């Protein structure tokens, strides 16, 4: 889900690829995962909506006992 964070200079909460998560872990620099509104729009153009499959993905969840 994409959403602006309420800050003086808002960043955007955006889905990530596993490669981005791994690269950030290796670099140790969490700033690589901070996105401005314009970067978020560029990400959607480049990757499409990474969250979109969640809307149609069929899941089978285990029964809770």
PDB file of N, CA and C in Angstrom:
ATOM      1  N   UNK A   1       0.849  -1.161   0.000  1.00  0.00           N
ATOM      2  CA  UNK A   1       0.000   0.000   0.000  1.00  0.00           C
ATOM      3  C   UNK A   1       0.901   1.234   0.000  1.00  0.00           C
ATOM      4  N   UNK A   2       0.579   2.173  -0.803  1.00  0.00           N
ATOM      5  CA  UNK A   2       1.333   3.415  -0.888  1.00  0.00           C
ATOM      6  C   UNK A   2       0.618   4.472  -0.053  1.00  0.00           C
ATOM      7  N   UNK A   3       1.353   5.136   0.821  1.00  0.00           N
ATOM      8  CA  UNK A   3       0.736   6.225   1.587  1.00  0.00           C
ATOM      9  C   UNK A   3       1.820   7.200   2.035  1.00  0.00           C
ATOM     10  N   UNK A   4       1.436   8.487   2.032  1.00  0.00           N
ATOM     11  CA  UNK A   4       2.351   9.522   2.504  1.00  0.00           C
ATOM     12  C   UNK A   4       2.400   9.500   4.019  1.00  0.00           C
ATOM     13  N   UNK A   5       3.577   9.656   4.562  1.00  0.00           N
ATOM     14  CA  UNK A   5       3.733   9.754   6.013  1.00  0.00           C
ATOM     15  C   UNK A   5       3.591  11.218   6.404  1.00  0.00           C
ATOM     16  N   UNK A   6       2.916  11.464   7.492  1.00  0.00           N
ATOM     17  CA  UNK A   6       2.652  12.835   7.942  1.00  0.00           C
ATOM     18  C   UNK A   6       3.900  13.421   8.597  1.00  0.00           C
ATOM     19  N   UNK A   7       4.692  14.111   7.803  1.00  0.00           N
ATOM     20  CA  UNK A   7       5.932  14.753   8.264  1.00  0.00           C
ATOM     21  C   UNK A   7       6.066  16.086   7.541  1.00  0.00           C
ATOM     22  N   UNK A   8       6.961  16.935   8.015  1.00  0.00           N
ATOM     23  CA  UNK A   8       7.218  18.192   7.321  1.00  0.00           C
ATOM     24  C   UNK A   8       7.623  17.943   5.869  1.00  0.00           C
ATOM     25  N   UNK A   9       8.503  16.986   5.669  1.00  0.00           N
ATOM     26  CA  UNK A   9       8.866  16.541   4.326  1.00  0.00           C
ATOM     27  C   UNK A   9       8.425  15.087   4.234  1.00  0.00           C
ATOM     28  N   UNK A  10       7.220  14.847   3.700  1.00  0.00           N
ATOM     29  CA  UNK A  10       6.683  13.486   3.740  1.00  0.00           C
ATOM     30  C   UNK A  10       7.452  12.503   2.865  1.00  0.00           C
ATOM     31  N   UNK A  11       7.611  11.312   3.394  1.00  0.00           N
ATOM     32  CA  UNK A  11       8.126  10.189   2.614  1.00  0.00           C
ATOM     33  C   UNK A  11       6.942   9.271   2.338  1.00  0.00           C
ATOM     34  N   UNK A  12       7.149   8.310   1.467  1.00  0.00           N
ATOM     35  CA  UNK A  12       6.048   7.436   1.057  1.00  0.00           C
ATOM     36  C   UNK A  12       6.313   6.013   1.516  1.00  0.00           C
ATOM     37  N   UNK A  13       5.299   5.427   2.134  1.00  0.00           N
ATOM     38  CA  UNK A  13       5.342   4.010   2.440  1.00  0.00           C
ATOM     39  C   UNK A  13       5.045   3.276   1.133  1.00  0.00           C
ATOM     40  N   UNK A  14       5.950   2.404   0.716  1.00  0.00           N
ATOM     41  CA  UNK A  14       5.808   1.734  -0.574  1.00  0.00           C
ATOM     42  C   UNK A  14       6.242   0.275  -0.476  1.00  0.00           C
ATOM     43  N   UNK A  15       5.623  -0.606  -1.242  1.00  0.00           N
ATOM     44  CA  UNK A  15       6.094  -1.992  -1.263  1.00  0.00           C
ATOM     45  C   UNK A  15       7.525  -2.059  -1.777  1.00  0.00           C
ATOM     46  N   UNK A  16       8.249  -3.067  -1.323  1.00  0.00           N
ATOM     47  CA  UNK A  16       9.642  -3.268  -1.722  1.00  0.00           C
ATOM     48  C   UNK A  16       9.797  -4.620  -2.393  1.00  0.00           C
ATOM     49  N   UNK A  17      10.842  -4.738  -3.187  1.00  0.00           N
ATOM     50  CA  UNK A  17      11.200  -6.054  -3.709  1.00  0.00           C
ATOM     51  C   UNK A  17      12.121  -6.716  -2.686  1.00  0.00           C
ATOM     52  N   UNK A  18      12.211  -8.041  -2.726  1.00  0.00           N
ATOM     53  CA  UNK A  18      13.109  -8.735  -1.811  1.00  0.00           C
ATOM     54  C   UNK A  18      14.557  -8.366  -2.107  1.00  0.00           C
ATOM     55  N   UNK A  19      14.858  -8.080  -3.365  1.00  0.00           N
ATOM     56  CA  UNK A  19      16.223  -7.654  -3.717  1.00  0.00           C
ATOM     57  C   UNK A  19      16.570  -6.337  -3.028  1.00  0.00           C
ATOM     58  N   UNK A  20      15.608  -5.402  -2.960  1.00  0.00           N
ATOM     59  CA  UNK A  20      15.851  -4.125  -2.282  1.00  0.00           C
ATOM     60  C   UNK A  20      16.078  -4.330  -0.788  1.00  0.00           C
ATOM     61  N   UNK A  21      15.313  -5.231  -0.201  1.00  0.00           N
ATOM     62  CA  UNK A  21      15.477  -5.523   1.225  1.00  0.00           C
ATOM     63  C   UNK A  21      16.860  -6.115   1.480  1.00  0.00           C
ATOM     64  N   UNK A  22      17.252  -7.082   0.649  1.00  0.00           N
ATOM     65  CA  UNK A  22      18.566  -7.722   0.812  1.00  0.00           C
ATOM     66  C   UNK A  22      19.699  -6.715   0.619  1.00  0.00           C
ATOM     67  N   UNK A  23      19.591  -5.881  -0.409  1.00  0.00           N
ATOM     68  CA  UNK A  23      20.651  -4.897  -0.677  1.00  0.00           C
ATOM     69  C   UNK A  23      20.780  -3.905   0.473  1.00  0.00           C
ATOM     70  N   UNK A  24      19.672  -3.514   1.050  1.00  0.00           N
ATOM     71  CA  UNK A  24      19.717  -2.588   2.180  1.00  0.00           C
ATOM     72  C   UNK A  24      20.342  -3.264   3.393  1.00  0.00           C
ATOM     73  N   UNK A  25      20.018  -4.535   3.616  1.00  0.00           N
ATOM     74  CA  UNK A  25      20.646  -5.271   4.710  1.00  0.00           C
ATOM     75  C   UNK A  25      22.146  -5.368   4.536  1.00  0.00           C
ATOM     76  N   UNK A  26      22.588  -5.595   3.300  1.00  0.00           N
ATOM     77  CA  UNK A  26      24.018  -5.705   3.024  1.00  0.00           C
ATOM     78  C   UNK A  26      24.732  -4.360   3.187  1.00  0.00           C
ATOM     79  N   UNK A  27      24.069  -3.291   2.739  1.00  0.00           N
ATOM     80  CA  UNK A  27      24.711  -1.967   2.825  1.00  0.00           C
ATOM     81  C   UNK A  27      24.633  -1.392   4.234  1.00  0.00           C
ATOM     82  N   UNK A  28      23.625  -1.810   5.000  1.00  0.00           N
ATOM     83  CA  UNK A  28      23.443  -1.267   6.344  1.00  0.00           C
ATOM     84  C   UNK A  28      22.916   0.163   6.343  1.00  0.00           C
ATOM     85  N   UNK A  29      22.448   0.646   5.189  1.00  0.00           N
ATOM     86  CA  UNK A  29      21.969   2.017   5.082  1.00  0.00           C
ATOM     87  C   UNK A  29      20.459   2.046   4.849  1.00  0.00           C
ATOM     88  N   UNK A  30      19.660   2.218   5.908  1.00  0.00           N
ATOM     89  CA  UNK A  30      18.206   2.226   5.752  1.00  0.00           C
ATOM     90  C   UNK A  30      17.691   3.416   4.938  1.00  0.00           C
ATOM     91  N   UNK A  31      18.534   4.419   4.720  1.00  0.00           N
ATOM     92  CA  UNK A  31      18.107   5.586   3.935  1.00  0.00           C
ATOM     93  C   UNK A  31      17.796   5.211   2.488  1.00  0.00           C
ATOM     94  N   UNK A  32      18.333   4.085   2.030  1.00  0.00           N
ATOM     95  CA  UNK A  32      18.053   3.668   0.653  1.00  0.00           C
ATOM     96  C   UNK A  32      16.590   3.282   0.472  1.00  0.00           C
ATOM     97  N   UNK A  33      15.889   3.098   1.587  1.00  0.00           N
ATOM     98  CA  UNK A  33      14.470   2.728   1.516  1.00  0.00           C
ATOM     99  C   UNK A  33      13.544   3.897   1.850  1.00  0.00           C
ATOM    100  N   UNK A  34      14.057   5.115   1.783  1.00  0.00           N
ATOM    101  CA  UNK A  34      13.227   6.311   1.963  1.00  0.00           C
ATOM    102  C   UNK A  34      12.863   6.842   0.589  1.00  0.00           C
ATOM    103  N   UNK A  35      11.572   7.051   0.357  1.00  0.00           N
ATOM    104  CA  UNK A  35      11.110   7.470  -0.953  1.00  0.00           C
ATOM    105  C   UNK A  35      10.256   8.725  -0.847  1.00  0.00           C
ATOM    106  N   UNK A  36      10.542   9.695  -1.719  1.00  0.00           N
ATOM    107  CA  UNK A  36       9.707  10.890  -1.817  1.00  0.00           C
ATOM    108  C   UNK A  36       8.492  10.560  -2.692  1.00  0.00           C
ATOM    109  N   UNK A  37       7.546  11.487  -2.759  1.00  0.00           N
ATOM    110  CA  UNK A  37       6.363  11.237  -3.586  1.00  0.00           C
ATOM    111  C   UNK A  37       6.744  11.056  -5.058  1.00  0.00           C
ATOM    112  N   UNK A  38       7.701  11.831  -5.550  1.00  0.00           N
ATOM    113  CA  UNK A  38       8.089  11.696  -6.961  1.00  0.00           C
ATOM    114  C   UNK A  38       8.825  10.379  -7.200  1.00  0.00           C
ATOM    115  N   UNK A  39       9.629   9.934  -6.232  1.00  0.00           N
ATOM    116  CA  UNK A  39      10.298   8.634  -6.370  1.00  0.00           C
ATOM    117  C   UNK A  39       9.271   7.506  -6.362  1.00  0.00           C
ATOM    118  N   UNK A  40       8.242   7.629  -5.539  1.00  0.00           N
ATOM    119  CA  UNK A  40       7.202   6.598  -5.477  1.00  0.00           C
ATOM    120  C   UNK A  40       6.487   6.488  -6.818  1.00  0.00           C
ATOM    121  N   UNK A  41       6.181   7.620  -7.437  1.00  0.00           N
ATOM    122  CA  UNK A  41       5.524   7.588  -8.744  1.00  0.00           C
ATOM    123  C   UNK A  41       6.437   6.965  -9.794  1.00  0.00           C
ATOM    124  N   UNK A  42       7.722   7.259  -9.726  1.00  0.00           N
ATOM    125  CA  UNK A  42       8.682   6.649 -10.656  1.00  0.00           C
ATOM    126  C   UNK A  42       8.765   5.146 -10.448  1.00  0.00           C
ATOM    127  N   UNK A  43       8.685   4.715  -9.186  1.00  0.00           N
ATOM    128  CA  UNK A  43       8.716   3.280  -8.878  1.00  0.00           C
ATOM    129  C   UNK A  43       7.525   2.568  -9.497  1.00  0.00           C
ATOM    130  N   UNK A  44       6.345   3.188  -9.430  1.00  0.00           N
ATOM    131  CA  UNK A  44       5.150   2.573 -10.016  1.00  0.00           C
ATOM    132  C   UNK A  44       5.317   2.471 -11.528  1.00  0.00           C
ATOM    133  N   UNK A  45       5.875   3.504 -12.147  1.00  0.00           N
ATOM    134  CA  UNK A  45       6.122   3.452 -13.593  1.00  0.00           C
ATOM    135  C   UNK A  45       7.111   2.339 -13.944  1.00  0.00           C
ATOM    136  N   UNK A  46       8.142   2.171 -13.118  1.00  0.00           N
ATOM    137  CA  UNK A  46       9.187   1.183 -13.403  1.00  0.00           C
ATOM    138  C   UNK A  46       8.757  -0.247 -13.078  1.00  0.00           C
ATOM    139  N   UNK A  47       8.140  -0.442 -11.925  1.00  0.00           N
ATOM    140  CA  UNK A  47       7.836  -1.799 -11.445  1.00  0.00           C
ATOM    141  C   UNK A  47       6.363  -2.166 -11.535  1.00  0.00           C
ATOM    142  N   UNK A  48       5.519  -1.238 -11.944  1.00  0.00           N
ATOM    143  CA  UNK A  48       4.067  -1.374 -11.828  1.00  0.00           C
ATOM    144  C   UNK A  48       3.729  -1.338 -10.335  1.00  0.00           C
ATOM    145  N   UNK A  49       2.546  -1.717  -9.981  1.00  0.00           N
ATOM    146  CA  UNK A  49       2.144  -1.684  -8.580  1.00  0.00           C
ATOM    147  C   UNK A  49       2.521  -3.016  -7.933  1.00  0.00           C
ATOM    148  N   UNK A  50       3.590  -3.021  -7.142  1.00  0.00           N
ATOM    149  CA  UNK A  50       4.061  -4.258  -6.512  1.00  0.00           C
ATOM    150  C   UNK A  50       3.033  -4.862  -5.559  1.00  0.00           C
ATOM    151  N   UNK A  51       2.082  -4.048  -5.114  1.00  0.00           N
ATOM    152  CA  UNK A  51       1.072  -4.522  -4.175  1.00  0.00           C
ATOM    153  C   UNK A  51      -0.150  -5.118  -4.890  1.00  0.00           C
ATOM    154  N   UNK A  52      -0.300  -4.875  -6.173  1.00  0.00           N
ATOM    155  CA  UNK A  52      -1.490  -5.286  -6.926  1.00  0.00           C
ATOM    156  C   UNK A  52      -1.822  -6.778  -6.813  1.00  0.00           C
ATOM    157  N   UNK A  53      -0.852  -7.686  -6.878  1.00  0.00           N
ATOM    158  CA  UNK A  53      -1.205  -9.105  -6.796  1.00  0.00           C
ATOM    159  C   UNK A  53      -1.930  -9.493  -5.502  1.00  0.00           C
ATOM    160  N   UNK A  54      -1.739  -8.738  -4.459  1.00  0.00           N
ATOM    161  CA  UNK A  54      -2.404  -9.040  -3.188  1.00  0.00           C
ATOM    162  C   UNK A  54      -3.928  -8.958  -3.327  1.00  0.00           C
ATOM    163  N   UNK A  55      -4.388  -8.117  -4.237  1.00  0.00           N
ATOM    164  CA  UNK A  55      -5.823  -7.925  -4.401  1.00  0.00           C
ATOM    165  C   UNK A  55      -6.509  -9.114  -5.060  1.00  0.00           C
ATOM    166  N   UNK A  56      -5.770  -9.920  -5.812  1.00  0.00           N
ATOM    167  CA  UNK A  56      -6.374 -11.041  -6.531  1.00  0.00           C
ATOM    168  C   UNK A  56      -5.810 -12.402  -6.137  1.00  0.00           C
ATOM    169  N   UNK A  57      -4.766 -12.423  -5.338  1.00  0.00           N
ATOM    170  CA  UNK A  57      -4.125 -13.686  -4.955  1.00  0.00           C
ATOM    171  C   UNK A  57      -5.058 -14.514  -4.083  1.00  0.00           C
ATOM    172  N   UNK A  58      -5.243 -15.773  -4.459  1.00  0.00           N
ATOM    173  CA  UNK A  58      -6.047 -16.694  -3.661  1.00  0.00           C
ATOM    174  C   UNK A  58      -5.162 -17.318  -2.594  1.00  0.00           C
ATOM    175  N   UNK A  59      -5.672 -17.359  -1.382  1.00  0.00           N
ATOM    176  CA  UNK A  59      -4.900 -17.920  -0.278  1.00  0.00           C
ATOM    177  C   UNK A  59      -5.731 -18.939   0.472  1.00  0.00           C
ATOM    178  N   UNK A  60      -5.058 -19.926   1.004  1.00  0.00           N
ATOM    179  CA  UNK A  60      -5.691 -20.879   1.889  1.00  0.00           C
ATOM    180  C   UNK A  60      -5.017 -20.746   3.242  1.00  0.00           C
ATOM    181  N   UNK A  61      -5.764 -20.327   4.208  1.00  0.00           N
ATOM    182  CA  UNK A  61      -5.207 -20.117   5.539  1.00  0.00           C
ATOM    183  C   UNK A  61      -5.543 -21.313   6.427  1.00  0.00           C
ATOM    184  N   UNK A  62      -4.650 -21.659   7.343  1.00  0.00           N
ATOM    185  CA  UNK A  62      -4.946 -22.775   8.243  1.00  0.00           C
ATOM    186  C   UNK A  62      -6.055 -22.393   9.220  1.00  0.00           C
ATOM    187  N   UNK A  63      -6.780 -23.393   9.658  1.00  0.00           N
ATOM    188  CA  UNK A  63      -7.830 -23.168  10.659  1.00  0.00           C
ATOM    189  C   UNK A  63      -7.169 -22.910  12.008  1.00  0.00           C
ATOM    190  N   UNK A  64      -7.725 -21.953  12.729  1.00  0.00           N
ATOM    191  CA  UNK A  64      -7.233 -21.677  14.077  1.00  0.00           C
ATOM    192  C   UNK A  64      -8.003 -22.547  15.060  1.00  0.00           C
ATOM    193  N   UNK A  65      -7.292 -23.097  15.988  1.00  0.00           N
ATOM    194  CA  UNK A  65      -7.953 -23.958  16.974  1.00  0.00           C
ATOM    195  C   UNK A  65      -7.968 -23.296  18.314  1.00  0.00           C
TER     196      UNK A  65
END
